[in-house]
């Protein structure tokens, strides 16, 4: 039996073509864990990649149906995303074919603006949801996130020393590949704990 595919959406500013992190993350899951990874590229990013001109993200309400359309042909899927892509993925738990959600660097709030938090996006999550957050992430720091109450479907794991882009401190002496190896292992272990390792 083949493993459930992960449909992975990019963040607001960098698509799959321009992000070394996203490319390495996908290739690692595919090569080391035989996990299919299908990139989800939103229309505004496709236009940006075609023209080379920076574009702001489309309105959030339009990104959700774009993601749903991408997964509509699959019987069972895992949806995931980096930053904004994870926020979109978190809105898909009501889709019958979505079995789990993985968010890398969830944007809990704009930098320094906890009062404008995005906790409401997580309130209705109804499938297992893993959020991996760097301890130096300016969009969701431990002292604030750990004070919040989340529903039972959501599990937060912290990656020591990482920022929002999972860049670590020099003193940690970790390569990007080592960080992604850690992330992919964590994701696969978590999926197995929910019976989704196939």
N, C-alpha and C. Protein backbone atom coordinates (compact mmCIF):
# COMPACT_ATOMS: atom_id res chain seq x y z
N UNK A 1 0.85 -1.20 0.00
CA UNK A 1 0.00 0.00 0.00
C UNK A 1 0.89 1.25 0.00
N UNK A 2 0.58 2.19 -0.89
CA UNK A 2 1.36 3.43 -0.93
C UNK A 2 0.95 4.34 0.23
N UNK A 3 1.86 5.20 0.62
CA UNK A 3 1.60 6.10 1.74
C UNK A 3 0.67 7.24 1.33
N UNK A 4 -0.07 7.75 2.31
CA UNK A 4 -0.95 8.88 2.02
C UNK A 4 -0.12 10.07 1.55
N UNK A 5 -0.56 10.75 0.51
CA UNK A 5 0.20 11.91 0.04
C UNK A 5 0.00 13.11 0.95
N UNK A 6 1.04 13.93 1.01
CA UNK A 6 0.96 15.23 1.68
C UNK A 6 0.85 16.30 0.60
N UNK A 7 -0.22 17.07 0.65
CA UNK A 7 -0.36 18.23 -0.22
C UNK A 7 0.16 19.43 0.56
N UNK A 8 1.23 20.03 0.07
CA UNK A 8 1.96 21.03 0.85
C UNK A 8 1.90 22.40 0.19
N UNK A 9 1.37 23.38 0.92
CA UNK A 9 1.22 24.74 0.40
C UNK A 9 2.34 25.64 0.91
N UNK A 10 2.75 26.56 0.08
CA UNK A 10 3.84 27.49 0.38
C UNK A 10 3.37 28.63 1.29
N UNK A 11 4.33 29.44 1.75
CA UNK A 11 4.02 30.62 2.53
C UNK A 11 3.67 31.80 1.64
N UNK A 12 3.48 32.97 2.25
CA UNK A 12 2.97 34.13 1.50
C UNK A 12 3.98 34.67 0.48
N UNK A 13 5.28 34.63 0.81
CA UNK A 13 6.25 35.35 -0.01
C UNK A 13 7.07 34.52 -0.97
N UNK A 14 7.20 33.22 -0.71
CA UNK A 14 8.06 32.38 -1.54
C UNK A 14 7.35 31.09 -1.93
N UNK A 15 7.33 30.80 -3.23
CA UNK A 15 6.68 29.59 -3.72
C UNK A 15 7.65 28.42 -3.76
N UNK A 16 7.16 27.29 -4.25
CA UNK A 16 7.98 26.08 -4.29
C UNK A 16 9.18 26.22 -5.22
N UNK A 17 9.06 27.01 -6.26
CA UNK A 17 10.17 27.16 -7.21
C UNK A 17 11.33 27.96 -6.62
N UNK A 18 11.02 28.92 -5.75
CA UNK A 18 12.07 29.82 -5.25
C UNK A 18 12.55 29.50 -3.84
N UNK A 19 11.90 28.57 -3.16
CA UNK A 19 12.27 28.26 -1.77
C UNK A 19 13.09 26.99 -1.69
N UNK A 20 14.37 27.13 -1.32
CA UNK A 20 15.22 25.96 -1.12
C UNK A 20 14.67 25.08 -0.01
N UNK A 21 14.12 25.71 1.02
CA UNK A 21 13.57 24.96 2.16
C UNK A 21 12.44 24.04 1.69
N UNK A 22 11.49 24.58 0.93
CA UNK A 22 10.35 23.77 0.47
C UNK A 22 10.79 22.64 -0.44
N UNK A 23 11.74 22.92 -1.31
CA UNK A 23 12.22 21.88 -2.23
C UNK A 23 12.93 20.77 -1.48
N UNK A 24 13.76 21.14 -0.51
CA UNK A 24 14.50 20.15 0.26
C UNK A 24 13.57 19.36 1.17
N UNK A 25 12.59 20.03 1.73
CA UNK A 25 11.62 19.35 2.60
C UNK A 25 10.88 18.27 1.81
N UNK A 26 10.39 18.62 0.63
CA UNK A 26 9.65 17.66 -0.20
C UNK A 26 10.54 16.49 -0.61
N UNK A 27 11.75 16.78 -1.08
CA UNK A 27 12.62 15.70 -1.55
C UNK A 27 13.02 14.78 -0.40
N UNK A 28 13.15 15.32 0.81
CA UNK A 28 13.51 14.49 1.97
C UNK A 28 12.40 13.53 2.33
N UNK A 29 11.18 14.01 2.37
CA UNK A 29 10.05 13.12 2.68
C UNK A 29 9.90 12.04 1.62
N UNK A 30 10.13 12.42 0.38
CA UNK A 30 9.99 11.45 -0.71
C UNK A 30 11.10 10.39 -0.65
N UNK A 31 12.35 10.83 -0.53
CA UNK A 31 13.49 9.91 -0.58
C UNK A 31 13.65 9.09 0.69
N UNK A 32 13.51 9.75 1.86
CA UNK A 32 13.79 9.05 3.11
C UNK A 32 12.60 8.32 3.69
N UNK A 33 11.40 8.76 3.35
CA UNK A 33 10.21 8.17 3.98
C UNK A 33 9.20 7.64 2.96
N UNK A 34 9.52 7.71 1.69
CA UNK A 34 8.61 7.24 0.63
C UNK A 34 7.22 7.87 0.76
N UNK A 35 7.22 9.12 1.20
CA UNK A 35 5.95 9.85 1.38
C UNK A 35 5.75 10.77 0.18
N UNK A 36 4.73 10.57 -0.63
CA UNK A 36 4.50 11.48 -1.76
C UNK A 36 4.21 12.89 -1.25
N UNK A 37 4.84 13.88 -1.85
CA UNK A 37 4.60 15.28 -1.51
C UNK A 37 4.19 16.01 -2.79
N UNK A 38 2.99 16.57 -2.77
CA UNK A 38 2.48 17.29 -3.93
C UNK A 38 2.44 18.77 -3.59
N UNK A 39 3.21 19.60 -4.30
CA UNK A 39 3.21 21.03 -4.01
C UNK A 39 1.88 21.68 -4.40
N UNK A 40 1.37 22.52 -3.52
CA UNK A 40 0.18 23.32 -3.81
C UNK A 40 0.64 24.76 -4.01
N UNK A 41 0.45 25.27 -5.22
CA UNK A 41 0.84 26.64 -5.54
C UNK A 41 -0.41 27.46 -5.84
N UNK A 42 -0.64 28.50 -5.06
CA UNK A 42 -1.82 29.34 -5.25
C UNK A 42 -1.67 30.19 -6.50
N UNK A 43 -2.80 30.60 -7.07
CA UNK A 43 -2.80 31.30 -8.36
C UNK A 43 -1.92 32.55 -8.35
N UNK A 44 -1.97 33.33 -7.26
CA UNK A 44 -1.19 34.57 -7.24
C UNK A 44 0.30 34.27 -7.33
N UNK A 45 0.73 33.14 -6.72
CA UNK A 45 2.14 32.76 -6.77
C UNK A 45 2.52 32.24 -8.14
N UNK A 46 1.60 31.55 -8.81
CA UNK A 46 1.87 31.10 -10.18
C UNK A 46 2.14 32.31 -11.07
N UNK A 47 1.34 33.36 -10.89
CA UNK A 47 1.54 34.57 -11.68
C UNK A 47 2.87 35.23 -11.34
N UNK A 48 3.22 35.22 -10.05
CA UNK A 48 4.50 35.81 -9.63
C UNK A 48 5.67 35.04 -10.25
N UNK A 49 5.57 33.72 -10.25
CA UNK A 49 6.65 32.91 -10.80
C UNK A 49 6.75 33.07 -12.32
N UNK A 50 5.62 33.28 -12.97
CA UNK A 50 5.62 33.44 -14.43
C UNK A 50 6.17 34.80 -14.85
N UNK A 51 5.86 35.84 -14.08
CA UNK A 51 6.24 37.20 -14.47
C UNK A 51 7.50 37.70 -13.80
N UNK A 52 7.87 37.07 -12.66
CA UNK A 52 9.02 37.55 -11.90
C UNK A 52 8.72 38.77 -11.07
N UNK A 53 7.45 39.19 -11.03
CA UNK A 53 7.06 40.37 -10.26
C UNK A 53 6.35 39.94 -8.98
N UNK A 54 6.81 40.51 -7.87
CA UNK A 54 6.20 40.20 -6.58
C UNK A 54 4.72 40.57 -6.57
N UNK A 55 3.92 39.69 -5.98
CA UNK A 55 2.48 39.95 -5.87
C UNK A 55 2.04 39.63 -4.44
N UNK A 56 1.11 40.41 -3.91
CA UNK A 56 0.59 40.07 -2.58
C UNK A 56 -0.32 38.85 -2.69
N UNK A 57 -0.48 38.10 -1.60
CA UNK A 57 -1.39 36.96 -1.64
C UNK A 57 -2.81 37.39 -1.96
N UNK A 58 -3.55 36.49 -2.58
CA UNK A 58 -4.98 36.74 -2.80
C UNK A 58 -5.68 36.80 -1.45
N UNK A 59 -6.91 37.28 -1.44
CA UNK A 59 -7.68 37.29 -0.20
C UNK A 59 -7.78 35.88 0.35
N UNK A 60 -7.65 35.77 1.66
CA UNK A 60 -7.57 34.46 2.29
C UNK A 60 -8.76 33.58 1.92
N UNK A 61 -9.94 34.17 1.86
CA UNK A 61 -11.15 33.39 1.57
C UNK A 61 -11.07 32.68 0.22
N UNK A 62 -10.28 33.21 -0.70
CA UNK A 62 -10.16 32.56 -2.01
C UNK A 62 -9.10 31.46 -2.02
N UNK A 63 -8.17 31.49 -1.06
CA UNK A 63 -7.12 30.49 -1.02
C UNK A 63 -7.64 29.13 -0.56
N UNK A 64 -8.64 29.13 0.31
CA UNK A 64 -9.18 27.87 0.82
C UNK A 64 -9.80 27.03 -0.31
N UNK A 65 -10.71 27.58 -1.13
CA UNK A 65 -11.24 26.76 -2.23
C UNK A 65 -10.17 26.36 -3.24
N UNK A 66 -9.14 27.17 -3.41
CA UNK A 66 -8.04 26.78 -4.30
C UNK A 66 -7.37 25.50 -3.79
N UNK A 67 -7.14 25.44 -2.49
CA UNK A 67 -6.51 24.26 -1.89
C UNK A 67 -7.45 23.06 -2.01
N UNK A 68 -8.74 23.27 -1.73
CA UNK A 68 -9.71 22.18 -1.81
C UNK A 68 -9.75 21.59 -3.22
N UNK A 69 -9.69 22.45 -4.21
CA UNK A 69 -9.71 21.98 -5.60
C UNK A 69 -8.52 21.07 -5.89
N UNK A 70 -7.37 21.40 -5.31
CA UNK A 70 -6.16 20.61 -5.53
C UNK A 70 -6.28 19.18 -5.00
N UNK A 71 -7.03 19.00 -3.91
CA UNK A 71 -7.12 17.68 -3.27
C UNK A 71 -8.39 16.93 -3.61
N UNK A 72 -9.23 17.50 -4.43
CA UNK A 72 -10.57 16.96 -4.66
C UNK A 72 -10.57 15.56 -5.28
N UNK A 73 -9.51 15.20 -6.00
CA UNK A 73 -9.49 13.91 -6.68
C UNK A 73 -8.94 12.78 -5.81
N UNK A 74 -8.44 13.12 -4.62
CA UNK A 74 -7.82 12.12 -3.74
C UNK A 74 -8.84 11.56 -2.75
N UNK A 75 -8.72 10.26 -2.47
CA UNK A 75 -9.62 9.63 -1.50
C UNK A 75 -9.25 10.00 -0.07
N UNK A 76 -7.94 9.97 0.22
CA UNK A 76 -7.45 10.33 1.55
C UNK A 76 -6.16 11.13 1.39
N UNK A 77 -6.04 12.22 2.14
CA UNK A 77 -4.85 13.05 2.04
C UNK A 77 -4.46 13.61 3.41
N UNK A 78 -3.21 14.05 3.48
CA UNK A 78 -2.72 14.88 4.57
C UNK A 78 -2.47 16.25 3.95
N UNK A 79 -2.95 17.29 4.58
CA UNK A 79 -2.72 18.64 4.06
C UNK A 79 -1.73 19.34 4.98
N UNK A 80 -0.89 20.15 4.38
CA UNK A 80 0.17 20.78 5.15
C UNK A 80 0.53 22.12 4.52
N UNK A 81 1.30 22.90 5.26
CA UNK A 81 1.73 24.18 4.71
C UNK A 81 2.75 24.85 5.58
N UNK A 82 3.52 25.71 4.94
CA UNK A 82 4.49 26.56 5.62
C UNK A 82 3.85 27.92 5.86
N UNK A 83 3.81 28.38 7.11
CA UNK A 83 3.29 29.70 7.46
C UNK A 83 1.86 29.90 6.94
N UNK A 84 1.66 30.82 5.99
CA UNK A 84 0.32 31.07 5.47
C UNK A 84 -0.30 29.80 4.90
N UNK A 85 0.52 28.97 4.25
CA UNK A 85 0.00 27.72 3.71
C UNK A 85 -0.57 26.82 4.78
N UNK A 86 0.06 26.83 5.97
CA UNK A 86 -0.47 26.06 7.09
C UNK A 86 -1.78 26.63 7.61
N UNK A 87 -1.88 27.96 7.57
CA UNK A 87 -3.13 28.60 8.00
C UNK A 87 -4.27 28.19 7.07
N UNK A 88 -3.99 28.12 5.76
CA UNK A 88 -5.01 27.66 4.81
C UNK A 88 -5.34 26.19 5.08
N UNK A 89 -4.31 25.37 5.25
CA UNK A 89 -4.52 23.95 5.50
C UNK A 89 -5.39 23.71 6.73
N UNK A 90 -5.24 24.57 7.74
CA UNK A 90 -6.01 24.40 8.98
C UNK A 90 -7.51 24.56 8.77
N UNK A 91 -7.91 25.10 7.62
CA UNK A 91 -9.32 25.31 7.34
C UNK A 91 -9.95 24.15 6.56
N UNK A 92 -9.20 23.08 6.35
CA UNK A 92 -9.68 22.00 5.50
C UNK A 92 -10.12 20.75 6.25
N UNK A 93 -10.18 20.82 7.57
CA UNK A 93 -10.48 19.60 8.34
C UNK A 93 -11.90 19.10 8.13
N UNK A 94 -12.79 19.95 7.61
CA UNK A 94 -14.16 19.50 7.37
C UNK A 94 -14.28 18.72 6.06
N UNK A 95 -13.24 18.71 5.25
CA UNK A 95 -13.26 17.92 4.02
C UNK A 95 -13.11 16.44 4.39
N UNK A 96 -13.99 15.61 3.86
CA UNK A 96 -14.03 14.20 4.28
C UNK A 96 -12.75 13.43 3.95
N UNK A 97 -12.00 13.88 2.96
CA UNK A 97 -10.78 13.14 2.58
C UNK A 97 -9.54 13.62 3.32
N UNK A 98 -9.65 14.66 4.13
CA UNK A 98 -8.50 15.17 4.90
C UNK A 98 -8.40 14.41 6.22
N UNK A 99 -7.28 13.70 6.40
CA UNK A 99 -7.10 12.85 7.57
C UNK A 99 -6.18 13.46 8.62
N UNK A 100 -5.38 14.44 8.24
CA UNK A 100 -4.48 15.10 9.20
C UNK A 100 -3.98 16.40 8.59
N UNK A 101 -3.50 17.28 9.47
CA UNK A 101 -2.98 18.58 9.06
C UNK A 101 -1.61 18.77 9.70
N UNK A 102 -0.66 19.29 8.93
CA UNK A 102 0.67 19.60 9.46
C UNK A 102 1.00 21.04 9.10
N UNK A 103 1.38 21.82 10.10
CA UNK A 103 1.73 23.23 9.89
C UNK A 103 3.17 23.47 10.34
N UNK A 104 3.99 24.03 9.45
CA UNK A 104 5.35 24.40 9.81
C UNK A 104 5.40 25.91 9.98
N UNK A 105 5.64 26.35 11.20
CA UNK A 105 5.69 27.79 11.48
C UNK A 105 4.32 28.43 11.32
N UNK A 106 3.38 28.07 12.18
CA UNK A 106 2.04 28.66 12.09
C UNK A 106 2.11 30.15 12.44
N UNK A 107 1.50 31.01 11.61
CA UNK A 107 1.55 32.46 11.90
C UNK A 107 0.47 32.84 12.92
N UNK A 108 0.77 32.61 14.18
CA UNK A 108 -0.22 32.85 15.22
C UNK A 108 -0.66 34.32 15.29
N UNK A 109 0.26 35.23 14.94
CA UNK A 109 -0.05 36.66 14.95
C UNK A 109 1.01 37.38 14.12
N UNK A 110 0.70 38.58 13.63
CA UNK A 110 1.75 39.38 12.97
C UNK A 110 2.82 39.72 14.00
N UNK A 111 4.07 39.91 13.57
CA UNK A 111 5.14 40.18 14.53
C UNK A 111 4.81 41.30 15.51
N UNK A 112 4.87 40.97 16.80
CA UNK A 112 4.65 41.96 17.85
C UNK A 112 3.20 42.36 18.06
N UNK A 113 2.25 41.67 17.42
CA UNK A 113 0.84 42.07 17.52
C UNK A 113 -0.02 40.89 17.96
N UNK A 114 0.23 40.43 19.17
CA UNK A 114 -0.53 39.30 19.70
C UNK A 114 -2.03 39.57 19.77
N UNK A 115 -2.38 40.88 19.89
CA UNK A 115 -3.81 41.22 19.98
C UNK A 115 -4.54 40.94 18.66
N UNK A 116 -3.78 40.78 17.58
CA UNK A 116 -4.37 40.46 16.27
C UNK A 116 -4.13 38.99 15.94
N UNK A 117 -4.28 38.15 16.96
CA UNK A 117 -3.95 36.73 16.79
C UNK A 117 -4.94 36.01 15.87
N UNK A 118 -4.50 34.85 15.41
CA UNK A 118 -5.29 34.05 14.46
C UNK A 118 -5.74 32.74 15.08
N UNK A 119 -5.99 32.76 16.37
CA UNK A 119 -6.42 31.55 17.06
C UNK A 119 -7.75 31.02 16.52
N UNK A 120 -8.58 31.91 16.00
CA UNK A 120 -9.90 31.48 15.50
C UNK A 120 -9.76 30.48 14.36
N UNK A 121 -8.64 30.53 13.64
CA UNK A 121 -8.43 29.59 12.53
C UNK A 121 -8.25 28.16 13.02
N UNK A 122 -7.89 28.01 14.28
CA UNK A 122 -7.64 26.68 14.84
C UNK A 122 -8.80 26.15 15.67
N UNK A 123 -9.78 26.99 15.92
CA UNK A 123 -10.86 26.62 16.85
C UNK A 123 -11.69 25.44 16.36
N UNK A 124 -11.89 25.32 15.05
CA UNK A 124 -12.78 24.29 14.51
C UNK A 124 -12.05 23.10 13.91
N UNK A 125 -10.76 23.00 14.11
CA UNK A 125 -10.00 21.87 13.57
C UNK A 125 -10.55 20.57 14.15
N UNK A 126 -10.87 19.61 13.28
CA UNK A 126 -11.55 18.39 13.74
C UNK A 126 -10.82 17.10 13.35
N UNK A 127 -9.57 17.22 12.88
CA UNK A 127 -8.72 16.05 12.62
C UNK A 127 -7.39 16.31 13.31
N UNK A 128 -6.56 15.27 13.48
CA UNK A 128 -5.26 15.49 14.11
C UNK A 128 -4.47 16.58 13.39
N UNK A 129 -3.92 17.51 14.17
CA UNK A 129 -3.21 18.65 13.60
C UNK A 129 -1.90 18.87 14.36
N UNK A 130 -0.79 18.77 13.65
CA UNK A 130 0.52 18.99 14.23
C UNK A 130 1.05 20.35 13.80
N UNK A 131 1.42 21.17 14.78
CA UNK A 131 2.06 22.45 14.51
C UNK A 131 3.49 22.37 15.03
N UNK A 132 4.46 22.56 14.13
CA UNK A 132 5.87 22.59 14.54
C UNK A 132 6.32 24.04 14.48
N UNK A 133 6.77 24.53 15.61
CA UNK A 133 7.09 25.95 15.75
C UNK A 133 8.50 26.12 16.27
N UNK A 134 9.27 27.03 15.67
CA UNK A 134 10.59 27.34 16.19
C UNK A 134 10.49 28.17 17.46
N UNK A 135 11.40 27.95 18.37
CA UNK A 135 11.34 28.68 19.64
C UNK A 135 11.69 30.16 19.47
N UNK A 136 12.25 30.54 18.31
CA UNK A 136 12.53 31.95 18.04
C UNK A 136 11.57 32.53 17.00
N UNK A 137 10.46 31.88 16.77
CA UNK A 137 9.52 32.33 15.74
C UNK A 137 8.81 33.61 16.19
N UNK A 138 9.03 34.70 15.46
CA UNK A 138 8.43 35.99 15.82
C UNK A 138 6.93 36.03 15.57
N UNK A 139 6.40 35.01 14.91
CA UNK A 139 4.96 34.96 14.64
C UNK A 139 4.24 33.99 15.58
N UNK A 140 4.94 33.57 16.62
CA UNK A 140 4.33 32.68 17.60
C UNK A 140 5.36 32.20 18.60
N UNK A 141 5.68 33.03 19.59
CA UNK A 141 6.72 32.70 20.55
C UNK A 141 6.18 31.81 21.67
N UNK A 142 7.05 30.97 22.25
CA UNK A 142 6.60 30.01 23.26
C UNK A 142 5.87 30.64 24.44
N UNK A 143 6.36 31.78 24.95
CA UNK A 143 5.74 32.34 26.15
C UNK A 143 4.29 32.73 25.91
N UNK A 144 3.94 33.09 24.68
CA UNK A 144 2.55 33.43 24.36
C UNK A 144 1.75 32.18 23.95
N UNK A 145 2.31 31.39 23.05
CA UNK A 145 1.59 30.22 22.53
C UNK A 145 1.25 29.25 23.66
N UNK A 146 2.19 29.02 24.57
CA UNK A 146 1.97 28.04 25.63
C UNK A 146 0.92 28.47 26.64
N UNK A 147 0.52 29.73 26.61
CA UNK A 147 -0.55 30.20 27.50
C UNK A 147 -1.94 30.01 26.89
N UNK A 148 -2.00 29.67 25.60
CA UNK A 148 -3.29 29.56 24.92
C UNK A 148 -3.89 28.16 25.13
N UNK A 149 -5.20 28.10 24.95
CA UNK A 149 -5.90 26.82 25.07
C UNK A 149 -6.34 26.38 23.67
N UNK A 150 -5.91 25.18 23.28
CA UNK A 150 -6.25 24.64 21.97
C UNK A 150 -7.15 23.42 22.13
N UNK A 151 -7.88 23.11 21.07
CA UNK A 151 -8.73 21.92 21.18
C UNK A 151 -7.88 20.66 21.13
N UNK A 152 -8.50 19.54 21.47
CA UNK A 152 -7.74 18.30 21.68
C UNK A 152 -7.10 17.74 20.42
N UNK A 153 -7.50 18.22 19.27
CA UNK A 153 -6.93 17.71 18.02
C UNK A 153 -5.57 18.32 17.70
N UNK A 154 -5.22 19.40 18.37
CA UNK A 154 -4.01 20.16 18.03
C UNK A 154 -2.86 19.82 18.97
N UNK A 155 -1.72 19.52 18.38
CA UNK A 155 -0.51 19.25 19.15
C UNK A 155 0.60 20.17 18.65
N UNK A 156 1.26 20.84 19.57
CA UNK A 156 2.34 21.76 19.22
C UNK A 156 3.67 21.19 19.67
N UNK A 157 4.62 21.14 18.74
CA UNK A 157 5.98 20.70 19.06
C UNK A 157 6.93 21.87 18.76
N UNK A 158 7.89 22.05 19.63
CA UNK A 158 8.83 23.15 19.49
C UNK A 158 10.16 22.66 18.94
N UNK A 159 10.74 23.45 18.02
CA UNK A 159 12.07 23.15 17.50
C UNK A 159 13.03 24.19 18.06
N UNK A 160 13.94 23.71 18.88
CA UNK A 160 14.83 24.59 19.64
C UNK A 160 15.70 25.44 18.73
N UNK A 161 15.68 26.75 18.97
CA UNK A 161 16.58 27.67 18.29
C UNK A 161 16.17 28.11 16.91
N UNK A 162 15.06 27.58 16.39
CA UNK A 162 14.66 27.91 15.02
C UNK A 162 13.79 29.16 14.97
N UNK A 163 13.93 29.92 13.88
CA UNK A 163 13.06 31.07 13.67
C UNK A 163 11.88 30.66 12.77
N UNK A 164 11.16 31.63 12.23
CA UNK A 164 9.96 31.32 11.44
C UNK A 164 10.28 30.52 10.18
N UNK A 165 11.50 30.67 9.68
CA UNK A 165 11.93 29.93 8.48
C UNK A 165 12.78 28.71 8.82
N UNK A 166 12.78 28.34 10.10
CA UNK A 166 13.53 27.19 10.60
C UNK A 166 15.03 27.33 10.37
N UNK A 167 15.49 28.57 10.44
CA UNK A 167 16.93 28.83 10.48
C UNK A 167 17.34 28.83 11.94
N UNK A 168 18.39 28.10 12.25
CA UNK A 168 18.79 27.93 13.64
C UNK A 168 20.01 28.81 13.97
N UNK A 169 20.35 28.86 15.25
CA UNK A 169 21.48 29.65 15.70
C UNK A 169 22.80 29.03 15.24
N UNK A 170 23.78 29.87 14.95
CA UNK A 170 25.08 29.38 14.48
C UNK A 170 25.70 28.40 15.47
N UNK A 171 25.50 28.69 16.76
CA UNK A 171 26.13 27.84 17.77
C UNK A 171 25.56 26.42 17.78
N UNK A 172 24.37 26.25 17.17
CA UNK A 172 23.79 24.90 17.10
C UNK A 172 24.48 24.05 16.03
N UNK A 173 25.13 24.73 15.09
CA UNK A 173 25.93 24.03 14.07
C UNK A 173 25.11 22.99 13.31
N UNK A 174 23.91 23.39 12.89
CA UNK A 174 23.03 22.49 12.14
C UNK A 174 22.91 22.98 10.70
N UNK A 175 23.01 22.07 9.75
CA UNK A 175 22.75 22.42 8.36
C UNK A 175 21.25 22.42 8.11
N UNK A 176 20.84 23.03 6.99
CA UNK A 176 19.42 23.01 6.65
C UNK A 176 18.93 21.58 6.46
N UNK A 177 19.77 20.73 5.89
CA UNK A 177 19.38 19.33 5.70
C UNK A 177 19.15 18.63 7.04
N UNK A 178 20.01 18.91 8.02
CA UNK A 178 19.84 18.29 9.33
C UNK A 178 18.53 18.74 9.99
N UNK A 179 18.22 20.01 9.86
CA UNK A 179 16.96 20.52 10.41
C UNK A 179 15.78 19.84 9.73
N UNK A 180 15.82 19.74 8.42
CA UNK A 180 14.72 19.12 7.69
C UNK A 180 14.63 17.63 7.99
N UNK A 181 15.76 16.98 8.19
CA UNK A 181 15.73 15.57 8.61
C UNK A 181 14.98 15.44 9.93
N UNK A 182 15.27 16.35 10.86
CA UNK A 182 14.59 16.32 12.16
C UNK A 182 13.08 16.54 11.98
N UNK A 183 12.73 17.54 11.17
CA UNK A 183 11.31 17.85 10.96
C UNK A 183 10.58 16.69 10.31
N UNK A 184 11.18 16.10 9.29
CA UNK A 184 10.52 15.00 8.59
C UNK A 184 10.35 13.78 9.48
N UNK A 185 11.37 13.51 10.30
CA UNK A 185 11.27 12.39 11.24
C UNK A 185 10.16 12.64 12.27
N UNK A 186 10.10 13.87 12.77
CA UNK A 186 9.06 14.23 13.72
C UNK A 186 7.67 14.05 13.11
N UNK A 187 7.51 14.51 11.88
CA UNK A 187 6.21 14.39 11.20
C UNK A 187 5.84 12.93 11.01
N UNK A 188 6.78 12.12 10.53
CA UNK A 188 6.47 10.71 10.28
C UNK A 188 6.16 9.97 11.58
N UNK A 189 6.88 10.27 12.64
CA UNK A 189 6.61 9.65 13.94
C UNK A 189 5.23 10.04 14.44
N UNK A 190 4.89 11.32 14.27
CA UNK A 190 3.57 11.80 14.69
C UNK A 190 2.46 11.15 13.87
N UNK A 191 2.64 11.05 12.56
CA UNK A 191 1.64 10.40 11.72
C UNK A 191 1.45 8.93 12.13
N UNK A 192 2.55 8.27 12.44
CA UNK A 192 2.46 6.87 12.88
C UNK A 192 1.67 6.75 14.16
N UNK A 193 1.84 7.73 15.06
CA UNK A 193 1.11 7.66 16.34
C UNK A 193 -0.40 7.82 16.14
N UNK A 194 -0.79 8.32 14.97
CA UNK A 194 -2.21 8.45 14.66
C UNK A 194 -2.67 7.43 13.61
N UNK A 195 -1.84 6.42 13.41
CA UNK A 195 -2.19 5.36 12.46
C UNK A 195 -2.18 5.81 11.02
N UNK A 196 -1.40 6.85 10.71
CA UNK A 196 -1.36 7.40 9.36
C UNK A 196 0.02 7.24 8.71
N UNK A 197 0.74 6.19 9.12
CA UNK A 197 2.08 6.00 8.58
C UNK A 197 2.07 5.17 7.31
N UNK A 198 0.91 4.85 6.80
CA UNK A 198 0.83 4.10 5.55
C UNK A 198 0.49 5.05 4.40
